[in-house]
N, C-alpha and C. Protein backbone atom coordinates (compact mmCIF):
# COMPACT_ATOMS: atom_id res chain seq x y z
N MET A 1 -14.66 -53.48 -6.17
CA MET A 1 -14.89 -52.52 -7.25
C MET A 1 -13.55 -51.80 -7.53
N ASN A 2 -13.08 -52.06 -8.64
CA ASN A 2 -11.80 -51.52 -9.10
C ASN A 2 -12.01 -50.40 -10.11
N LYS A 3 -11.77 -49.16 -9.74
CA LYS A 3 -11.98 -48.04 -10.70
C LYS A 3 -10.70 -47.78 -11.50
N LYS A 4 -10.84 -47.53 -12.75
CA LYS A 4 -9.73 -47.31 -13.63
C LYS A 4 -9.53 -45.83 -13.77
N LEU A 5 -8.24 -45.45 -13.87
CA LEU A 5 -7.92 -44.03 -14.07
C LEU A 5 -7.85 -43.78 -15.59
N THR A 6 -8.86 -43.10 -16.13
CA THR A 6 -8.89 -42.82 -17.53
C THR A 6 -8.19 -41.53 -17.78
N ALA A 7 -7.94 -41.28 -19.12
CA ALA A 7 -7.26 -40.07 -19.53
C ALA A 7 -8.07 -38.81 -19.11
N GLY A 8 -9.38 -38.88 -19.21
CA GLY A 8 -10.22 -37.80 -18.86
C GLY A 8 -10.12 -37.47 -17.36
N LYS A 9 -10.16 -38.50 -16.50
CA LYS A 9 -9.98 -38.33 -15.07
C LYS A 9 -8.62 -37.77 -14.75
N LEU A 10 -7.59 -38.24 -15.36
CA LEU A 10 -6.23 -37.78 -15.11
C LEU A 10 -6.09 -36.30 -15.51
N ALA A 11 -6.72 -35.96 -16.64
CA ALA A 11 -6.65 -34.53 -17.05
C ALA A 11 -7.40 -33.67 -16.09
N GLY A 12 -8.57 -34.12 -15.57
CA GLY A 12 -9.31 -33.38 -14.58
C GLY A 12 -8.56 -33.13 -13.32
N ILE A 13 -7.82 -34.22 -12.87
CA ILE A 13 -7.04 -34.06 -11.63
C ILE A 13 -5.94 -33.07 -11.82
N ILE A 14 -5.27 -33.19 -13.00
CA ILE A 14 -4.11 -32.22 -13.24
C ILE A 14 -4.64 -30.81 -13.37
N PHE A 15 -5.78 -30.61 -14.01
CA PHE A 15 -6.37 -29.23 -14.14
C PHE A 15 -6.70 -28.71 -12.74
N CYS A 16 -7.38 -29.49 -11.94
CA CYS A 16 -7.77 -29.02 -10.56
C CYS A 16 -6.54 -28.70 -9.78
N GLY A 17 -5.51 -29.53 -9.84
CA GLY A 17 -4.26 -29.23 -9.13
C GLY A 17 -3.65 -27.96 -9.50
N ALA A 18 -3.52 -27.71 -10.86
CA ALA A 18 -2.93 -26.52 -11.40
C ALA A 18 -3.78 -25.30 -10.97
N ALA A 19 -5.09 -25.41 -10.96
CA ALA A 19 -5.97 -24.34 -10.56
C ALA A 19 -5.74 -24.04 -9.06
N LEU A 20 -5.58 -25.02 -8.23
CA LEU A 20 -5.33 -24.79 -6.83
C LEU A 20 -4.05 -24.03 -6.62
N ILE A 21 -2.94 -24.51 -7.33
CA ILE A 21 -1.66 -23.82 -7.18
C ILE A 21 -1.76 -22.42 -7.61
N CYS A 22 -2.41 -22.09 -8.73
CA CYS A 22 -2.55 -20.74 -9.22
C CYS A 22 -3.30 -19.86 -8.24
N THR A 23 -4.35 -20.43 -7.66
CA THR A 23 -5.21 -19.67 -6.73
C THR A 23 -4.38 -19.33 -5.48
N ILE A 24 -3.58 -20.29 -4.93
CA ILE A 24 -2.79 -20.05 -3.77
C ILE A 24 -1.76 -18.96 -4.08
N LEU A 25 -1.10 -19.09 -5.29
CA LEU A 25 -0.08 -18.09 -5.69
C LEU A 25 -0.71 -16.66 -5.79
N LEU A 26 -1.90 -16.54 -6.44
CA LEU A 26 -2.55 -15.26 -6.56
C LEU A 26 -2.93 -14.68 -5.17
N ILE A 27 -3.42 -15.50 -4.29
CA ILE A 27 -3.70 -15.02 -2.92
C ILE A 27 -2.51 -14.50 -2.24
N PHE A 28 -1.42 -15.23 -2.30
CA PHE A 28 -0.16 -14.81 -1.71
C PHE A 28 0.33 -13.45 -2.31
N MET A 29 0.35 -13.37 -3.60
CA MET A 29 0.85 -12.17 -4.28
C MET A 29 -0.04 -11.02 -3.91
N SER A 30 -1.34 -11.19 -3.92
CA SER A 30 -2.30 -10.11 -3.60
C SER A 30 -2.07 -9.62 -2.20
N SER A 31 -1.91 -10.53 -1.22
CA SER A 31 -1.69 -10.06 0.15
C SER A 31 -0.31 -9.42 0.33
N TYR A 32 0.65 -9.92 -0.38
CA TYR A 32 2.02 -9.37 -0.27
C TYR A 32 2.09 -7.93 -0.82
N TYR A 33 1.64 -7.73 -2.02
CA TYR A 33 1.69 -6.40 -2.65
C TYR A 33 0.47 -5.55 -2.24
N GLY A 34 -0.66 -6.13 -1.89
CA GLY A 34 -1.77 -5.31 -1.45
C GLY A 34 -1.48 -4.64 -0.13
N GLY A 35 -0.61 -5.13 0.68
CA GLY A 35 -0.22 -4.54 1.93
C GLY A 35 0.46 -3.24 1.68
N GLN A 36 1.28 -3.13 0.59
CA GLN A 36 1.91 -1.87 0.27
C GLN A 36 0.90 -0.77 -0.05
N MET A 37 -0.12 -1.13 -0.86
CA MET A 37 -1.20 -0.18 -1.23
C MET A 37 -2.01 0.20 0.05
N LYS A 38 -2.27 -0.78 0.90
CA LYS A 38 -3.00 -0.49 2.11
C LYS A 38 -2.26 0.46 3.06
N THR A 39 -0.96 0.33 3.10
CA THR A 39 -0.13 1.23 3.96
C THR A 39 -0.19 2.68 3.44
N VAL A 40 -0.04 2.83 2.09
CA VAL A 40 -0.13 4.14 1.53
C VAL A 40 -1.45 4.78 1.77
N ASN A 41 -2.57 4.03 1.52
CA ASN A 41 -3.93 4.58 1.77
C ASN A 41 -4.07 4.96 3.25
N LYS A 42 -3.65 4.08 4.14
CA LYS A 42 -3.74 4.34 5.55
C LYS A 42 -2.96 5.60 5.98
N PHE A 43 -1.81 5.81 5.36
CA PHE A 43 -1.02 7.00 5.60
C PHE A 43 -1.79 8.27 5.30
N PHE A 44 -2.38 8.29 4.08
CA PHE A 44 -3.07 9.51 3.69
C PHE A 44 -4.36 9.73 4.43
N THR A 45 -5.03 8.64 4.83
CA THR A 45 -6.23 8.82 5.69
C THR A 45 -5.87 9.42 7.06
N ALA A 46 -4.70 8.94 7.59
CA ALA A 46 -4.21 9.51 8.85
C ALA A 46 -3.85 10.93 8.76
N VAL A 47 -3.24 11.28 7.64
CA VAL A 47 -2.91 12.73 7.38
C VAL A 47 -4.12 13.57 7.25
N GLU A 48 -5.08 13.13 6.56
CA GLU A 48 -6.37 13.90 6.36
C GLU A 48 -6.97 14.19 7.69
N ARG A 49 -7.03 13.24 8.54
CA ARG A 49 -7.73 13.27 9.85
C ARG A 49 -6.82 13.82 11.02
N SER A 50 -5.56 13.99 10.72
CA SER A 50 -4.56 14.36 11.74
C SER A 50 -4.58 13.40 12.88
N ASP A 51 -4.66 12.06 12.50
CA ASP A 51 -4.73 11.03 13.45
C ASP A 51 -3.29 10.47 13.75
N MET A 52 -2.72 10.90 14.84
CA MET A 52 -1.32 10.59 15.14
C MET A 52 -1.06 9.12 15.33
N ASN A 53 -1.96 8.38 16.03
CA ASN A 53 -1.77 6.96 16.18
C ASN A 53 -1.73 6.21 14.85
N SER A 54 -2.66 6.49 13.93
CA SER A 54 -2.65 5.85 12.72
C SER A 54 -1.43 6.28 11.82
N TYR A 55 -1.07 7.54 11.98
CA TYR A 55 0.11 8.02 11.26
C TYR A 55 1.34 7.23 11.68
N LYS A 56 1.52 7.08 13.01
CA LYS A 56 2.68 6.36 13.51
C LYS A 56 2.69 4.83 13.09
N ALA A 57 1.51 4.28 12.92
CA ALA A 57 1.36 2.89 12.57
C ALA A 57 1.88 2.64 11.09
N CYS A 58 2.12 3.65 10.35
CA CYS A 58 2.63 3.57 9.02
C CYS A 58 4.15 3.49 8.99
N PHE A 59 4.78 3.53 10.15
CA PHE A 59 6.25 3.48 10.18
C PHE A 59 6.66 2.44 11.17
N SER A 60 7.96 2.04 11.08
CA SER A 60 8.44 1.00 11.94
C SER A 60 8.33 1.50 13.45
N LYS A 61 8.27 0.61 14.36
CA LYS A 61 8.16 0.93 15.75
C LYS A 61 9.34 1.84 16.21
N ALA A 62 10.52 1.51 15.72
CA ALA A 62 11.67 2.31 16.07
C ALA A 62 11.58 3.77 15.58
N ASP A 63 11.09 3.92 14.35
CA ASP A 63 10.91 5.26 13.79
C ASP A 63 9.69 5.98 14.39
N ALA A 64 8.60 5.25 14.67
CA ALA A 64 7.36 5.83 15.13
C ALA A 64 7.53 6.55 16.46
N LYS A 65 8.43 6.01 17.30
CA LYS A 65 8.58 6.64 18.68
C LYS A 65 9.16 8.05 18.61
N ASP A 66 9.83 8.38 17.44
CA ASP A 66 10.46 9.68 17.32
C ASP A 66 9.54 10.68 16.53
N LEU A 67 8.38 10.26 16.02
CA LEU A 67 7.53 11.13 15.28
C LEU A 67 6.69 12.00 16.22
N THR A 68 6.47 13.21 15.77
CA THR A 68 5.80 14.20 16.53
C THR A 68 4.65 14.85 15.73
N GLU A 69 3.83 15.68 16.32
CA GLU A 69 2.78 16.39 15.64
C GLU A 69 3.34 17.29 14.50
N THR A 70 4.60 17.72 14.67
CA THR A 70 5.23 18.49 13.62
C THR A 70 5.36 17.64 12.33
N ASP A 71 5.59 16.37 12.49
CA ASP A 71 5.79 15.48 11.32
C ASP A 71 4.45 15.28 10.54
N ILE A 72 3.37 15.11 11.26
CA ILE A 72 2.05 14.92 10.64
C ILE A 72 1.60 16.27 9.97
N GLU A 73 1.94 17.37 10.62
CA GLU A 73 1.63 18.68 10.04
C GLU A 73 2.41 18.94 8.74
N ALA A 74 3.66 18.45 8.76
CA ALA A 74 4.46 18.62 7.54
C ALA A 74 3.84 17.69 6.40
N ALA A 75 3.32 16.53 6.74
CA ALA A 75 2.68 15.67 5.73
C ALA A 75 1.41 16.36 5.19
N ARG A 76 0.75 17.09 6.11
CA ARG A 76 -0.52 17.71 5.63
C ARG A 76 -0.21 18.85 4.61
N ALA A 77 1.04 19.20 4.40
CA ALA A 77 1.44 20.22 3.45
C ALA A 77 1.00 19.82 2.01
N ILE A 78 0.63 18.62 1.78
CA ILE A 78 0.12 18.26 0.45
C ILE A 78 -1.10 19.09 0.10
N ALA A 79 -1.84 19.54 1.07
CA ALA A 79 -3.05 20.32 0.87
C ALA A 79 -2.72 21.78 0.42
N ASN A 80 -1.45 22.15 0.45
CA ASN A 80 -1.11 23.43 0.02
C ASN A 80 -1.30 23.77 -1.45
N VAL A 81 -1.65 22.66 -2.22
CA VAL A 81 -1.97 22.89 -3.61
C VAL A 81 -3.43 23.46 -3.79
N LEU A 82 -4.16 23.44 -2.72
CA LEU A 82 -5.53 23.96 -2.67
C LEU A 82 -5.58 25.33 -1.97
N GLU A 83 -6.57 26.12 -2.34
CA GLU A 83 -6.78 27.42 -1.66
C GLU A 83 -7.25 27.27 -0.23
N ASP A 84 -8.21 26.35 -0.11
CA ASP A 84 -8.76 26.04 1.27
C ASP A 84 -8.12 24.78 1.75
N THR A 85 -7.11 24.92 2.60
CA THR A 85 -6.35 23.78 3.09
C THR A 85 -6.83 23.10 4.34
N GLU A 86 -7.96 23.62 4.93
CA GLU A 86 -8.46 23.14 6.21
C GLU A 86 -9.01 21.74 6.11
N ASP A 87 -9.99 21.52 5.24
CA ASP A 87 -10.66 20.23 5.16
C ASP A 87 -10.41 19.70 3.75
N PHE A 88 -9.55 18.68 3.68
CA PHE A 88 -9.25 18.10 2.40
C PHE A 88 -9.27 16.58 2.46
N ARG A 89 -9.29 15.98 1.27
CA ARG A 89 -9.24 14.49 1.12
C ARG A 89 -8.12 14.20 0.08
N ALA A 90 -7.60 12.99 0.15
CA ALA A 90 -6.57 12.56 -0.81
C ALA A 90 -6.90 11.19 -1.31
N ASP A 91 -6.85 11.05 -2.58
CA ASP A 91 -7.01 9.66 -3.21
C ASP A 91 -5.70 9.31 -3.91
N VAL A 92 -5.37 8.09 -3.85
CA VAL A 92 -4.12 7.68 -4.39
C VAL A 92 -4.31 6.72 -5.52
N THR A 93 -3.64 6.89 -6.65
CA THR A 93 -3.66 6.03 -7.81
C THR A 93 -2.28 5.45 -7.97
N PHE A 94 -2.20 4.12 -7.84
CA PHE A 94 -0.87 3.47 -7.95
C PHE A 94 -0.39 3.38 -9.37
N LYS A 95 0.88 3.72 -9.57
CA LYS A 95 1.45 3.72 -10.93
C LYS A 95 2.50 2.58 -11.10
N GLY A 96 3.08 2.13 -10.03
CA GLY A 96 4.04 1.05 -10.17
C GLY A 96 4.87 0.90 -8.88
N ARG A 97 5.70 -0.16 -8.91
CA ARG A 97 6.65 -0.45 -7.84
C ARG A 97 7.87 -1.04 -8.43
N GLU A 98 8.98 -0.70 -7.72
CA GLU A 98 10.29 -1.17 -8.17
C GLU A 98 10.97 -1.80 -6.98
N LYS A 99 11.48 -3.03 -7.18
CA LYS A 99 12.20 -3.62 -6.08
C LYS A 99 13.60 -3.06 -5.97
N LEU A 100 13.93 -2.63 -4.75
CA LEU A 100 15.23 -2.05 -4.52
C LEU A 100 16.25 -3.05 -3.94
N GLY A 101 15.77 -4.16 -3.52
CA GLY A 101 16.57 -5.18 -2.94
C GLY A 101 16.35 -5.30 -1.46
N SER A 102 16.64 -6.39 -0.87
CA SER A 102 16.53 -6.76 0.51
C SER A 102 15.22 -6.28 1.13
N GLY A 103 14.12 -6.66 0.50
CA GLY A 103 12.75 -6.35 1.08
C GLY A 103 12.37 -4.90 0.97
N ARG A 104 13.02 -4.04 0.14
CA ARG A 104 12.69 -2.67 -0.02
C ARG A 104 12.08 -2.47 -1.39
N TYR A 105 10.98 -1.67 -1.45
CA TYR A 105 10.30 -1.39 -2.65
C TYR A 105 10.02 0.09 -2.80
N SER A 106 10.30 0.62 -3.97
CA SER A 106 9.91 2.01 -4.20
C SER A 106 8.52 1.95 -4.92
N VAL A 107 7.49 2.54 -4.24
CA VAL A 107 6.17 2.58 -4.77
C VAL A 107 5.89 3.94 -5.32
N THR A 108 5.39 4.01 -6.51
CA THR A 108 5.11 5.26 -7.19
C THR A 108 3.60 5.43 -7.35
N PHE A 109 3.06 6.68 -7.07
CA PHE A 109 1.68 6.87 -7.14
C PHE A 109 1.35 8.35 -7.41
N ASP A 110 0.19 8.62 -7.92
CA ASP A 110 -0.31 9.99 -8.04
C ASP A 110 -1.32 10.25 -6.93
N ILE A 111 -1.26 11.48 -6.41
CA ILE A 111 -2.24 11.84 -5.36
C ILE A 111 -3.19 12.94 -5.86
N VAL A 112 -4.46 12.67 -5.68
CA VAL A 112 -5.47 13.67 -6.01
C VAL A 112 -5.89 14.27 -4.70
N VAL A 113 -5.60 15.56 -4.49
CA VAL A 113 -5.93 16.28 -3.28
C VAL A 113 -7.19 17.13 -3.62
N TYR A 114 -8.26 17.03 -2.86
CA TYR A 114 -9.47 17.76 -3.22
C TYR A 114 -10.26 18.18 -1.95
N ASN A 115 -11.19 19.05 -2.23
CA ASN A 115 -12.15 19.43 -1.17
C ASN A 115 -13.48 19.67 -1.93
N ASP A 116 -14.42 20.33 -1.30
CA ASP A 116 -15.72 20.48 -1.99
C ASP A 116 -15.69 21.32 -3.25
N SER A 117 -14.70 22.23 -3.40
CA SER A 117 -14.72 23.17 -4.51
C SER A 117 -13.44 23.01 -5.43
N GLU A 118 -12.45 22.28 -5.01
CA GLU A 118 -11.17 22.25 -5.78
C GLU A 118 -10.65 20.82 -5.88
N LYS A 119 -9.78 20.69 -6.87
CA LYS A 119 -9.11 19.34 -7.01
C LYS A 119 -7.84 19.53 -7.76
N GLU A 120 -6.75 19.03 -7.17
CA GLU A 120 -5.39 19.12 -7.81
C GLU A 120 -4.78 17.71 -7.76
N THR A 121 -3.94 17.41 -8.76
CA THR A 121 -3.23 16.13 -8.83
C THR A 121 -1.71 16.40 -8.68
N ILE A 122 -1.13 15.59 -7.80
CA ILE A 122 0.32 15.62 -7.58
C ILE A 122 0.83 14.28 -8.23
N LYS A 123 1.57 14.39 -9.30
CA LYS A 123 1.97 13.21 -10.05
C LYS A 123 3.34 12.71 -9.66
N GLY A 124 3.52 11.39 -9.82
CA GLY A 124 4.84 10.78 -9.73
C GLY A 124 5.46 10.80 -8.32
N VAL A 125 4.67 10.64 -7.30
CA VAL A 125 5.23 10.59 -5.89
C VAL A 125 5.77 9.21 -5.66
N SER A 126 6.95 9.09 -5.09
CA SER A 126 7.56 7.80 -4.82
C SER A 126 7.94 7.76 -3.33
N ARG A 127 7.66 6.66 -2.66
CA ARG A 127 8.04 6.39 -1.32
C ARG A 127 8.61 4.97 -1.24
N VAL A 128 9.54 4.77 -0.34
CA VAL A 128 10.15 3.43 -0.13
C VAL A 128 9.42 2.76 1.02
N LEU A 129 8.96 1.52 0.78
CA LEU A 129 8.34 0.74 1.84
C LEU A 129 9.26 -0.50 2.13
N VAL A 130 9.18 -0.87 3.36
CA VAL A 130 9.96 -2.04 3.83
C VAL A 130 9.08 -2.88 4.77
N ARG A 131 9.52 -4.11 4.98
CA ARG A 131 8.77 -5.04 5.90
C ARG A 131 9.30 -4.74 7.28
N ASP A 132 8.33 -4.66 8.23
CA ASP A 132 8.69 -4.55 9.66
C ASP A 132 7.69 -5.34 10.46
N GLY A 133 8.19 -6.42 11.04
CA GLY A 133 7.31 -7.20 11.89
C GLY A 133 6.10 -7.81 11.09
N GLY A 134 6.33 -8.15 9.82
CA GLY A 134 5.31 -8.77 9.04
C GLY A 134 4.38 -7.78 8.31
N LYS A 135 4.58 -6.49 8.46
CA LYS A 135 3.77 -5.54 7.73
C LYS A 135 4.62 -4.53 6.99
N TRP A 136 4.01 -3.85 5.97
CA TRP A 136 4.72 -2.84 5.20
C TRP A 136 4.63 -1.55 5.93
N VAL A 137 5.78 -0.85 5.99
CA VAL A 137 5.86 0.47 6.58
C VAL A 137 6.75 1.41 5.72
N PHE A 138 6.58 2.69 5.91
CA PHE A 138 7.40 3.63 5.19
C PHE A 138 8.80 3.67 5.82
N GLU A 139 9.79 3.80 4.94
CA GLU A 139 11.16 3.95 5.37
C GLU A 139 11.37 5.43 5.52
N ILE A 140 11.99 5.83 6.60
CA ILE A 140 12.36 7.23 6.90
C ILE A 140 13.84 7.41 6.42
N ASN A 141 13.97 8.40 5.55
CA ASN A 141 15.33 8.73 5.15
C ASN A 141 15.84 9.89 6.02
N ASP A 142 16.99 9.72 6.63
CA ASP A 142 17.55 10.78 7.45
C ASP A 142 18.17 11.87 6.62
């Protein structure tokens, strides 16, 4: 039984191949850039909860060893836009990213800080993220 390759079959094979390549590319891009967003969200969740271990996980291992409770308390200062700063939440809306070169990206986002009775927006916050051991982490500027 000798099957012929018709124009329709060839077009179907080409279409399926192109769809597979596009899917793989989208998955790669989503995981590559999605990691940046995940790191930013993880950072603010750690700040909200005063969770030092999760906070340190947002930085390179070399930088994390030097972080103290004072650093996480300084990050909690974002709540100072509210009258009641004790129990707050933060939501991040991503605005963009800019490649700075050699695996460094400046990620820009707005932060909505809120509690049960108040809500304030901090616009245009930018942080630099770098790759460290296969994951995105915040770069510490000295």
